[in-house]
Amino acid sequence: MSKQVTTQEIAEIVTRLLTDTSATGQLEAYEAFQGFMTDIALVICDYCGGEIHHPAEPFEDVWYVGIHGNDALPDPAGGIWQQYDEEGELFDNEALSWRSAPSDSDRNAGPQGDKS
């Protein structure tokens, strides 16, 4: 017979693995932790929108993974990501997205091929 794990228990396991590797005895190697954190963020992106361009990395003893916007986000505010890193941007100012209209310079740039 298998173990039956609830949503709350899965959330607890993921939280413990990300915040207390020494207590769990798992993901203690740099590459293992980096891979797990990046993969968890990728799963969220797969189901909720967004994309990752680089694996998770530590900065001043805190791990981060960068989330970039894409057309899969459910709303212009950023969906599930909107309340995190309020100073950060999901969309690069130079990148065209469904959230932004083309600028005058984009419109006047000449033919860019058939977009239909």
Protein backbone atom coordinates (compact mmCIF):
# COMPACT_ATOMS: atom_id res chain seq x y z
CA MET A 1 0.00 0.00 0.00
CA SER A 2 1.24 3.51 -0.76
CA LYS A 3 1.41 6.55 1.47
CA GLN A 4 -1.42 8.98 0.81
CA VAL A 5 -0.16 12.56 1.10
CA THR A 6 -2.45 15.61 1.31
CA THR A 7 -1.97 19.00 -0.32
CA GLN A 8 -1.04 20.48 3.04
CA GLU A 9 1.58 17.78 3.59
CA ILE A 10 3.07 18.30 0.11
CA ALA A 11 3.26 22.05 0.82
CA GLU A 12 4.95 21.31 4.16
CA ILE A 13 7.48 18.97 2.53
CA VAL A 14 8.40 21.49 -0.17
CA THR A 15 8.69 24.26 2.43
CA ARG A 16 10.94 22.13 4.65
CA LEU A 17 13.14 21.14 1.73
CA LEU A 18 13.58 24.77 0.69
CA THR A 19 14.03 26.27 4.14
CA ASP A 20 15.65 23.63 6.36
CA THR A 21 17.89 21.30 4.38
CA SER A 22 20.01 20.37 7.39
CA ALA A 23 16.99 19.09 9.35
CA THR A 24 15.73 17.03 6.41
CA GLY A 25 19.18 15.73 5.44
CA GLN A 26 18.21 16.28 1.81
CA LEU A 27 19.32 18.75 -0.89
CA GLU A 28 22.41 19.77 1.06
CA ALA A 29 24.63 19.86 -2.04
CA TYR A 30 24.65 23.15 -3.97
CA GLU A 31 23.64 21.52 -7.28
CA ALA A 32 20.84 19.50 -5.67
CA PHE A 33 19.33 22.53 -3.96
CA GLN A 34 19.74 24.68 -7.07
CA GLY A 35 18.03 22.05 -9.21
CA PHE A 36 15.16 21.53 -6.78
CA MET A 37 14.44 25.24 -6.33
CA THR A 38 14.61 25.83 -10.08
CA ASP A 39 12.36 22.83 -10.78
CA ILE A 40 9.75 23.95 -8.23
CA ALA A 41 9.68 27.40 -9.86
CA LEU A 42 9.38 25.74 -13.29
CA VAL A 43 6.38 23.71 -12.13
CA ILE A 44 4.68 26.89 -10.92
CA CYS A 45 5.48 28.58 -14.26
CA ASP A 46 4.10 25.58 -16.18
CA TYR A 47 0.76 25.82 -14.40
CA CYS A 48 0.48 29.54 -13.62
CA GLY A 49 2.52 31.33 -16.28
CA GLY A 50 5.95 32.84 -16.38
CA GLU A 51 9.30 31.45 -17.42
CA ILE A 52 12.79 31.00 -16.05
CA HIS A 53 15.90 31.99 -18.00
CA HIS A 54 18.56 30.98 -15.44
CA PRO A 55 18.77 28.48 -12.59
CA ALA A 56 18.33 29.55 -8.97
CA GLU A 57 21.40 31.18 -7.41
CA PRO A 58 22.30 32.54 -3.97
CA PHE A 59 22.94 36.24 -3.43
CA GLU A 60 24.15 37.39 -0.01
CA ASP A 61 23.14 34.05 1.55
CA VAL A 62 19.59 34.14 0.13
CA TRP A 63 18.56 31.96 -2.81
CA TYR A 64 16.67 33.58 -5.70
CA VAL A 65 15.24 32.47 -9.02
CA GLY A 66 14.27 35.05 -11.63
CA ILE A 67 10.79 34.84 -13.10
CA HIS A 68 10.06 36.46 -16.45
CA GLY A 69 6.63 37.14 -17.87
CA ASN A 70 5.16 35.32 -20.84
CA ASP A 71 1.84 34.98 -22.63
CA ALA A 72 0.72 32.20 -20.26
CA LEU A 73 0.23 34.63 -17.35
CA PRO A 74 -3.49 34.90 -16.61
CA ASP A 75 -3.54 38.68 -16.20
CA PRO A 76 -1.39 41.77 -16.80
CA ALA A 77 -0.63 42.12 -13.08
CA GLY A 78 1.39 38.89 -13.12
CA GLY A 79 -0.93 36.27 -11.67
CA ILE A 80 0.53 34.32 -8.77
CA TRP A 81 3.80 36.27 -9.01
CA GLN A 82 2.29 39.75 -8.53
CA GLN A 83 2.68 39.97 -4.76
CA TYR A 84 6.36 38.94 -4.70
CA ASP A 85 9.31 41.26 -5.31
CA GLU A 86 7.10 44.27 -5.87
CA GLU A 87 10.06 46.27 -7.21
CA GLY A 88 10.88 43.63 -9.84
CA GLU A 89 9.43 43.51 -13.35
CA LEU A 90 8.06 40.43 -15.08
CA PHE A 91 8.56 41.97 -18.50
CA ASP A 92 11.76 43.51 -19.83
CA ASN A 93 11.11 47.10 -20.91
CA GLU A 94 12.47 46.26 -24.36
CA ALA A 95 10.54 42.99 -24.74
CA LEU A 96 7.19 43.12 -26.44
CA SER A 97 4.47 41.23 -24.61
CA TRP A 98 0.72 40.91 -24.53
CA ARG A 99 0.79 43.46 -21.71
CA SER A 100 2.27 46.26 -23.78
CA ALA A 101 1.44 47.97 -27.03
CA PRO A 102 4.16 48.53 -29.61
CA SER A 103 5.92 51.88 -29.36
CA ASP A 104 6.01 54.36 -32.25
CA SER A 105 9.58 53.26 -33.04
CA ASP A 106 8.41 49.63 -33.24
CA ARG A 107 5.57 50.57 -35.58
CA ASN A 108 7.94 52.54 -37.83
CA ALA A 109 10.70 49.94 -37.90
CA GLY A 110 9.62 48.60 -41.30
CA PRO A 111 8.37 45.20 -42.38
CA GLN A 112 9.07 42.43 -39.89
CA GLY A 113 7.56 39.58 -41.88
CA ASP A 114 4.03 38.22 -41.99
CA LYS A 115 2.58 38.10 -38.47
CA SER A 116 -0.71 36.45 -39.38
